[in-house]
Amino acid sequence: MKKRLVSSILCAAMLTASIVGCGSAAPEKTAQAPAQTVEEAETPKADAPAATDEGSDKLVVGFAQIGQESGWRDAETMSIQTYAAEHSDTVELKFADAQQKQENQIKAIKSFIEQDVDVIGLAPVVETGWDQVFAEAQDAGIPIILLDRTADVDESLYATFIGSDFIEEGKEAAKQMAELIGGKGKIVELEGTVGASAATDRKTGFDEEIAANYPDIEIVASQTGDFTRAQGKEVMESFLKSNPDIVGVYAHNDDMALGAIEAIKEAGLKPGEDIVTVSVDGVKGIFEAMVAGEANCTVECNPLLGPLFFETAAKLKNGESVEKWVKSVDGVFTSDIAADVIDSRAY
C-alpha cells in the first residue's frame, strides 16, 4: 500500500464531501475532464509532469468505466468527472471508456498499473474474469475500488465495493409490482446485460420475492435487453406478440422500461394502465414518463457516486481502512409523487 500523504486541501475537501441522495438538487456543472478511450488512457501526455512522481501529493486515480449504455451510466460518469475537475488542484483522474467490452477494461487497468496510479476504480462490465489483472494491481500495491457493480473474485483482491444492494432492489420492485397488479396476473421481465452483477442480482431478488410471496403472479417470459432502450423496445415487442395477456413488465433499468413503453404504445395499448411498469435506477426520463401516466414505479439506484468514490480513494492512499461494502443511499418513487419531485432530480 502506498504511504504518500494527500495534501491538507484534499483532506478538507473530502471531509465536507457527501454523496447526493434521492431528491437532491443537481450539482452545478463545471468543465468536465474529457472522456478517454482505453488507448488515450494508456500513456500520459508527454508535456505534462507525471502526477505520480515521488514529490507529488495529488491523489491520482485511474477509472475504467463500462461505457455509455444508459442515462444512468452517463450520470455516474458526470459525477466522477465533475468532482475531479472541481478538485483538480488535489485530484488527477485518468478516465477510460471501455465501450462495453471487458477486454478494454482489463487493458485500461494494466495501463493504470504501468502509470503507477494511487487507486484504481472500476465498474465491471461483467462479474467474472478479473482474477489475474486484480492480482497484478495487488502486486503493484494499488488498491481497487469496485463502483456500482461487483466482481466475482476473492475479497482480498479488492479494497471495497461502493454501490447499492441489487438483490434488495429486485425484492422491492417485486413488492411494488404485486401492489400495482393486485397480487395476480402474468408479467414479463426485461433483464440487464448477461453476466453483470446488477442484472443477476436484480433478477434473483425479484424472482425469489415473487415465488415466495405471490403465487398468483406468473413471470411468463424473461429475456435480456442489455440495459439499453433500443433492445428493451425490441424484446418487449416480441413479448407482446407471444403474450398478449400480460399486465406488467419489470425492467432491470429505466432505459429498458422506456423502450418497453414505446413498444406498448405502438401495439395500441396504454402503458401505465393496460400494462404497468416497474423498473430500477431513477433517471429523469422515467420520472417524466410517470408524470405523463405512462410508467408506474422506479426503485432508485443512485449514480452520483463521485464524492464518495474520491473520499474512499483518499482514505486508501493514506493507508486507512475502509468498509468492504460502502452502501449508497437510494429511494423508491411511484407515479403519485413523481410530479412533486421531478424538478429536484439530479440525473
Protein backbone atom coordinates (compact mmCIF):
# COMPACT_ATOMS: atom_id res chain seq x y z
CA MET A 1 0.00 0.00 0.00
CA LYS A 2 1.36 3.39 -0.84
CA LYS A 3 2.26 5.71 2.02
CA ARG A 4 2.41 9.18 0.46
CA LEU A 5 0.03 11.60 2.22
CA VAL A 6 -2.73 13.53 0.49
CA SER A 7 -2.45 17.30 0.87
CA SER A 8 -4.36 19.09 3.59
CA ILE A 9 -6.51 20.74 0.94
CA LEU A 10 -7.77 17.35 -0.26
CA CYS A 11 -8.46 16.12 3.24
CA ALA A 12 -10.55 19.19 3.99
CA ALA A 13 -12.44 18.78 0.75
CA MET A 14 -13.12 15.10 1.38
CA LEU A 15 -14.39 15.73 4.90
CA THR A 16 -17.08 18.02 3.55
CA ALA A 17 -17.97 15.90 0.54
CA SER A 18 -21.04 13.67 0.72
CA ILE A 19 -22.99 11.58 -1.71
CA VAL A 20 -26.00 13.23 -3.36
CA GLY A 21 -29.09 11.28 -2.29
CA CYS A 22 -32.59 10.99 -3.67
CA GLY A 23 -34.35 14.26 -4.30
CA SER A 24 -31.18 16.42 -4.06
CA ALA A 25 -30.67 19.35 -6.38
CA ALA A 26 -28.37 18.87 -9.33
CA PRO A 27 -24.76 19.95 -8.75
CA GLU A 28 -23.66 22.99 -10.71
CA LYS A 29 -21.97 21.80 -13.88
CA THR A 30 -18.32 22.66 -14.40
CA ALA A 31 -15.86 21.89 -17.14
CA GLN A 32 -15.51 18.13 -17.04
CA ALA A 33 -12.43 16.05 -17.65
CA PRO A 34 -12.75 14.72 -21.20
CA ALA A 35 -13.69 11.09 -21.62
CA GLN A 36 -10.84 8.98 -22.94
CA THR A 37 -10.74 5.82 -24.92
CA VAL A 38 -8.65 3.00 -23.50
CA GLU A 39 -5.84 3.90 -25.89
CA GLU A 40 -5.80 7.51 -24.72
CA ALA A 41 -5.66 6.39 -21.09
CA GLU A 42 -2.65 4.17 -21.74
CA THR A 43 0.01 6.84 -21.98
CA PRO A 44 0.37 10.13 -20.01
CA LYS A 45 0.71 13.26 -22.11
CA ALA A 46 4.35 13.97 -22.89
CA ASP A 47 4.16 17.67 -21.92
CA ALA A 48 2.57 17.00 -18.53
CA PRO A 49 4.62 16.12 -15.44
CA ALA A 50 3.96 12.63 -14.10
CA ALA A 51 1.43 13.08 -11.32
CA THR A 52 2.73 10.03 -9.51
CA ASP A 53 6.28 11.38 -9.04
CA GLU A 54 7.55 10.85 -5.51
CA GLY A 55 7.21 14.56 -4.71
CA SER A 56 3.58 14.81 -5.83
CA ASP A 57 0.85 14.95 -3.21
CA LYS A 58 -2.07 14.71 -5.66
CA LEU A 59 -4.45 11.79 -5.44
CA VAL A 60 -4.04 10.07 -8.81
CA VAL A 61 -6.91 7.77 -9.73
CA GLY A 62 -7.47 5.62 -12.78
CA PHE A 63 -11.11 4.81 -13.53
CA ALA A 64 -12.28 2.25 -16.11
CA GLN A 65 -15.90 2.99 -16.97
CA ILE A 66 -18.14 0.47 -18.75
CA GLY A 67 -19.26 2.85 -21.48
CA GLN A 68 -22.44 4.77 -22.24
CA GLU A 69 -25.18 2.16 -22.25
CA SER A 70 -27.73 4.31 -20.39
CA GLY A 71 -28.58 7.71 -18.95
CA TRP A 72 -27.76 6.29 -15.52
CA ARG A 73 -24.23 5.42 -16.65
CA ASP A 74 -23.77 8.91 -18.10
CA ALA A 75 -24.82 10.42 -14.77
CA GLU A 76 -22.25 8.33 -12.91
CA THR A 77 -19.52 9.38 -15.35
CA MET A 78 -20.56 13.03 -14.97
CA SER A 79 -20.39 12.75 -11.18
CA ILE A 80 -16.85 11.34 -11.27
CA GLN A 81 -15.50 13.71 -13.92
CA THR A 82 -17.14 16.78 -12.40
CA TYR A 83 -15.73 16.08 -8.96
CA ALA A 84 -12.23 15.59 -10.41
CA ALA A 85 -12.49 18.84 -12.41
CA GLU A 86 -13.68 20.81 -9.39
CA HIS A 87 -10.80 19.44 -7.27
CA SER A 88 -8.09 19.49 -9.93
CA ASP A 89 -5.59 21.05 -7.50
CA THR A 90 -5.67 17.89 -5.38
CA VAL A 91 -7.02 15.19 -7.70
CA GLU A 92 -5.90 13.82 -11.05
CA LEU A 93 -8.28 11.49 -12.91
CA LYS A 94 -7.23 9.13 -15.67
CA PHE A 95 -10.50 8.06 -17.28
CA ALA A 96 -11.04 5.23 -19.77
CA ASP A 97 -14.27 4.41 -21.62
CA ALA A 98 -14.29 0.65 -22.28
CA GLN A 99 -17.22 0.79 -24.73
CA GLN A 100 -18.99 -2.18 -23.07
CA LYS A 101 -16.01 -4.53 -23.56
CA GLN A 102 -14.27 -6.35 -20.71
CA GLU A 103 -11.04 -6.65 -22.66
CA ASN A 104 -10.89 -2.87 -22.88
CA GLN A 105 -11.35 -2.53 -19.13
CA ILE A 106 -8.57 -5.04 -18.49
CA LYS A 107 -6.33 -3.14 -20.90
CA ALA A 108 -7.09 0.12 -19.07
CA ILE A 109 -6.31 -1.41 -15.66
CA LYS A 110 -2.95 -2.68 -16.93
CA SER A 111 -2.24 0.83 -18.22
CA PHE A 112 -3.11 2.36 -14.84
CA ILE A 113 -0.74 -0.11 -13.15
CA GLU A 114 2.06 0.90 -15.53
CA GLN A 115 1.37 4.57 -14.74
CA ASP A 116 1.62 3.81 -11.00
CA VAL A 117 -1.65 5.48 -10.04
CA ASP A 118 -2.62 5.59 -6.36
CA VAL A 119 -6.00 3.88 -6.69
CA ILE A 120 -7.89 2.11 -9.48
CA GLY A 121 -11.67 2.40 -9.82
CA LEU A 122 -13.77 0.03 -11.90
CA ALA A 123 -17.40 -0.52 -12.80
CA PRO A 124 -17.06 -4.13 -14.06
CA VAL A 125 -18.94 -4.83 -17.28
CA VAL A 126 -19.35 -8.47 -16.15
CA GLU A 127 -18.64 -10.29 -12.88
CA THR A 128 -16.08 -12.91 -13.89
CA GLY A 129 -12.63 -12.87 -15.48
CA TRP A 130 -10.88 -10.34 -13.22
CA ASP A 131 -8.65 -12.50 -11.02
CA GLN A 132 -5.39 -12.10 -12.95
CA VAL A 133 -5.48 -8.35 -13.53
CA PHE A 134 -6.69 -7.68 -9.97
CA ALA A 135 -3.75 -9.75 -8.69
CA GLU A 136 -1.41 -7.65 -10.84
CA ALA A 137 -2.76 -4.47 -9.24
CA GLN A 138 -2.38 -6.00 -5.79
CA ASP A 139 1.24 -6.98 -6.51
CA ALA A 140 1.86 -3.37 -7.55
CA GLY A 141 0.42 -2.11 -4.26
CA ILE A 142 -2.54 -0.37 -5.93
CA PRO A 143 -5.95 -0.86 -4.24
CA ILE A 144 -9.06 -1.40 -6.37
CA ILE A 145 -12.46 0.15 -5.72
CA LEU A 146 -15.45 -1.54 -7.35
CA LEU A 147 -18.09 1.03 -8.18
CA ASP A 148 -21.79 0.18 -8.60
CA ARG A 149 -21.12 -3.40 -9.78
CA THR A 150 -19.37 -6.29 -8.06
CA ALA A 151 -16.78 -8.77 -9.36
CA ASP A 152 -16.66 -12.50 -8.68
CA VAL A 153 -13.18 -12.60 -7.16
CA ASP A 154 -11.70 -13.31 -3.75
CA GLU A 155 -12.43 -10.35 -1.45
CA SER A 156 -8.72 -9.94 -0.78
CA LEU A 157 -8.22 -8.75 -4.37
CA TYR A 158 -10.18 -5.51 -3.99
CA ALA A 159 -10.41 -2.88 -1.27
CA THR A 160 -14.12 -2.09 -1.26
CA PHE A 161 -17.37 -2.04 -3.21
CA ILE A 162 -19.36 1.21 -3.37
CA GLY A 163 -22.94 0.82 -4.50
CA SER A 164 -26.46 -0.41 -3.93
CA ASP A 165 -27.93 -3.71 -2.77
CA PHE A 166 -29.16 -5.08 -6.10
CA ILE A 167 -30.99 -8.04 -4.56
CA GLU A 168 -32.98 -5.73 -2.32
CA GLU A 169 -33.77 -3.57 -5.34
CA GLY A 170 -35.25 -6.63 -7.03
CA LYS A 171 -37.26 -7.56 -3.95
CA GLU A 172 -38.65 -4.03 -3.63
CA ALA A 173 -39.55 -4.00 -7.33
CA ALA A 174 -41.48 -7.26 -6.84
CA LYS A 175 -43.45 -5.80 -3.93
CA GLN A 176 -44.32 -2.71 -5.95
CA MET A 177 -45.36 -4.85 -8.94
CA ALA A 178 -47.58 -7.03 -6.76
CA GLU A 179 -49.33 -3.99 -5.32
CA LEU A 180 -49.87 -2.44 -8.75
CA ILE A 181 -51.47 -5.54 -10.31
CA GLY A 182 -53.42 -6.63 -7.25
CA GLY A 183 -51.26 -9.65 -6.50
CA LYS A 184 -52.15 -11.64 -9.62
CA GLY A 185 -51.53 -11.76 -13.34
CA LYS A 186 -48.95 -12.56 -16.00
CA ILE A 187 -45.85 -10.38 -16.20
CA VAL A 188 -42.63 -10.24 -18.20
CA GLU A 189 -39.07 -9.35 -17.21
CA LEU A 190 -36.50 -7.33 -19.16
CA GLU A 191 -33.08 -8.41 -17.90
CA GLY A 192 -29.86 -6.41 -17.97
CA THR A 193 -26.54 -7.39 -19.53
CA VAL A 194 -25.87 -11.12 -19.17
CA GLY A 195 -23.19 -11.69 -16.54
CA ALA A 196 -23.47 -8.21 -14.98
CA SER A 197 -23.93 -8.27 -11.21
CA ALA A 198 -26.74 -5.71 -11.37
CA ALA A 199 -28.71 -7.91 -13.77
CA THR A 200 -28.01 -11.16 -11.92
CA ASP A 201 -28.95 -9.80 -8.50
CA ARG A 202 -31.97 -7.75 -9.59
CA LYS A 203 -33.35 -10.87 -11.23
CA THR A 204 -32.61 -13.01 -8.18
CA GLY A 205 -34.28 -10.60 -5.79
CA PHE A 206 -37.36 -10.09 -7.95
CA ASP A 207 -37.90 -13.73 -8.94
CA GLU A 208 -37.39 -15.04 -5.41
CA GLU A 209 -39.76 -12.48 -3.89
CA ILE A 210 -42.48 -13.30 -6.44
CA ALA A 211 -42.07 -17.06 -5.97
CA ALA A 212 -42.08 -16.85 -2.17
CA ASN A 213 -44.96 -14.46 -1.60
CA TYR A 214 -47.12 -14.03 -4.71
CA PRO A 215 -48.27 -17.42 -6.05
CA ASP A 216 -50.85 -15.84 -8.36
CA ILE A 217 -48.24 -13.83 -10.26
CA GLU A 218 -46.58 -15.64 -13.15
CA ILE A 219 -43.42 -14.49 -14.91
CA VAL A 220 -44.23 -15.79 -18.39
CA ALA A 221 -41.12 -14.52 -20.19
CA SER A 222 -37.71 -13.17 -19.21
CA GLN A 223 -35.01 -12.04 -21.64
CA THR A 224 -32.05 -9.67 -21.73
CA GLY A 225 -32.43 -6.20 -23.18
CA ASP A 226 -28.77 -5.43 -22.40
CA PHE A 227 -29.69 -2.35 -20.32
CA THR A 228 -30.44 -0.32 -23.48
CA ARG A 229 -33.63 1.43 -24.58
CA ALA A 230 -33.42 0.08 -28.13
CA GLN A 231 -33.16 -3.55 -27.06
CA GLY A 232 -35.74 -3.05 -24.34
CA LYS A 233 -38.19 -1.97 -27.02
CA GLU A 234 -37.25 -4.82 -29.34
CA VAL A 235 -37.65 -7.51 -26.67
CA MET A 236 -40.92 -6.00 -25.44
CA GLU A 237 -42.31 -6.11 -28.97
CA SER A 238 -41.57 -9.84 -29.01
CA PHE A 239 -43.12 -10.31 -25.57
CA LEU A 240 -46.33 -8.59 -26.66
CA LYS A 241 -46.71 -10.79 -29.71
CA SER A 242 -46.32 -14.04 -27.78
CA ASN A 243 -48.00 -12.95 -24.53
CA PRO A 244 -51.00 -10.73 -25.36
CA ASP A 245 -52.49 -11.01 -21.87
CA ILE A 246 -49.60 -9.67 -19.81
CA VAL A 247 -50.43 -6.99 -17.24
CA GLY A 248 -46.98 -5.85 -16.13
CA VAL A 249 -43.33 -5.51 -17.13
CA TYR A 250 -40.37 -5.43 -14.77
CA ALA A 251 -37.20 -3.91 -16.25
CA HIS A 252 -33.76 -4.11 -14.65
CA ASN A 253 -33.22 -0.46 -15.57
CA ASP A 254 -35.26 2.56 -16.58
CA ASP A 255 -33.88 2.78 -20.11
CA MET A 256 -35.26 -0.66 -20.99
CA ALA A 257 -38.56 0.33 -19.38
CA LEU A 258 -38.71 3.43 -21.57
CA GLY A 259 -38.11 1.24 -24.61
CA ALA A 260 -40.88 -1.09 -23.44
CA ILE A 261 -43.23 1.86 -23.08
CA GLU A 262 -42.63 2.75 -26.74
CA ALA A 263 -43.43 -0.82 -27.77
CA ILE A 264 -46.61 -0.87 -25.67
CA LYS A 265 -47.86 2.35 -27.27
CA GLU A 266 -47.07 1.13 -30.77
CA ALA A 267 -49.09 -2.01 -30.00
CA GLY A 268 -52.13 0.19 -29.36
CA LEU A 269 -52.09 -0.25 -25.58
CA LYS A 270 -51.75 2.28 -22.75
CA PRO A 271 -48.53 1.94 -20.76
CA GLY A 272 -49.11 2.57 -17.08
CA GLU A 273 -52.73 1.38 -17.39
CA ASP A 274 -53.11 -1.66 -19.65
CA ILE A 275 -49.59 -2.77 -18.77
CA VAL A 276 -47.90 -1.37 -15.65
CA THR A 277 -44.16 -0.81 -15.44
CA VAL A 278 -41.71 -1.19 -12.57
CA SER A 279 -38.01 -0.52 -13.18
CA VAL A 280 -34.77 0.34 -11.43
CA ASP A 281 -32.45 3.39 -11.45
CA GLY A 282 -34.47 6.59 -11.05
CA VAL A 283 -33.35 8.57 -14.12
CA LYS A 284 -35.25 11.71 -15.02
CA GLY A 285 -36.72 10.13 -18.15
CA ILE A 286 -38.71 7.63 -16.12
CA PHE A 287 -40.00 10.45 -13.88
CA GLU A 288 -41.22 12.23 -17.00
CA ALA A 289 -42.96 9.02 -18.05
CA MET A 290 -44.57 8.69 -14.62
CA VAL A 291 -45.80 12.30 -14.74
CA ALA A 292 -47.29 11.52 -18.18
CA GLY A 293 -49.07 8.48 -16.71
CA GLU A 294 -47.03 6.02 -18.79
CA ALA A 295 -44.88 4.49 -16.03
CA ASN A 296 -45.72 3.45 -12.50
CA CYS A 297 -42.68 2.97 -10.28
CA THR A 298 -38.89 3.18 -10.18
CA VAL A 299 -36.60 1.82 -7.49
CA GLU A 300 -33.70 4.22 -7.23
CA CYS A 301 -30.07 3.24 -7.69
CA ASN A 302 -28.07 6.40 -7.09
CA PRO A 303 -25.34 7.02 -9.72
CA LEU A 304 -23.93 10.20 -8.15
CA LEU A 305 -21.04 8.35 -6.53
CA GLY A 306 -18.18 10.71 -7.42
CA PRO A 307 -17.72 12.37 -3.99
CA LEU A 308 -17.92 9.08 -2.11
CA PHE A 309 -15.58 7.41 -4.60
CA PHE A 310 -12.84 10.01 -4.22
CA GLU A 311 -13.29 10.24 -0.45
CA THR A 312 -12.76 6.48 -0.23
CA ALA A 313 -9.79 6.61 -2.62
CA ALA A 314 -8.14 9.27 -0.44
CA LYS A 315 -8.52 7.07 2.63
CA LEU A 316 -6.92 4.16 0.81
CA LYS A 317 -3.99 6.29 -0.34
CA ASN A 318 -3.47 7.36 3.27
CA GLY A 319 -3.38 3.73 4.36
CA GLU A 320 -6.69 3.97 6.23
CA SER A 321 -9.08 1.04 6.45
CA VAL A 322 -12.47 1.21 4.73
CA GLU A 323 -15.56 -0.96 4.94
CA LYS A 324 -15.78 -3.80 2.44
CA TRP A 325 -19.18 -2.52 1.28
CA VAL A 326 -19.97 1.19 1.30
CA LYS A 327 -23.69 1.37 0.58
CA SER A 328 -25.20 4.22 -1.39
CA VAL A 329 -28.46 5.92 -0.37
CA ASP A 330 -31.48 5.02 -2.51
CA GLY A 331 -35.26 5.51 -2.51
CA VAL A 332 -38.49 4.27 -4.13
CA PHE A 333 -40.63 6.57 -6.27
CA THR A 334 -44.15 6.00 -7.58
CA SER A 335 -46.23 7.87 -10.13
CA ASP A 336 -48.35 9.59 -7.49
CA ILE A 337 -45.35 11.57 -6.19
CA ALA A 338 -43.36 11.93 -9.42
CA ALA A 339 -44.63 15.41 -10.24
CA ASP A 340 -43.68 16.67 -6.79
CA VAL A 341 -40.04 15.56 -7.01
CA ILE A 342 -39.14 15.65 -10.70
CA ASP A 343 -37.71 19.18 -10.61
CA SER A 344 -35.27 18.18 -7.88
CA ARG A 345 -33.90 15.13 -9.69
CA ALA A 346 -30.19 15.47 -10.41
CA TYR A 347 -30.00 12.88 -13.20
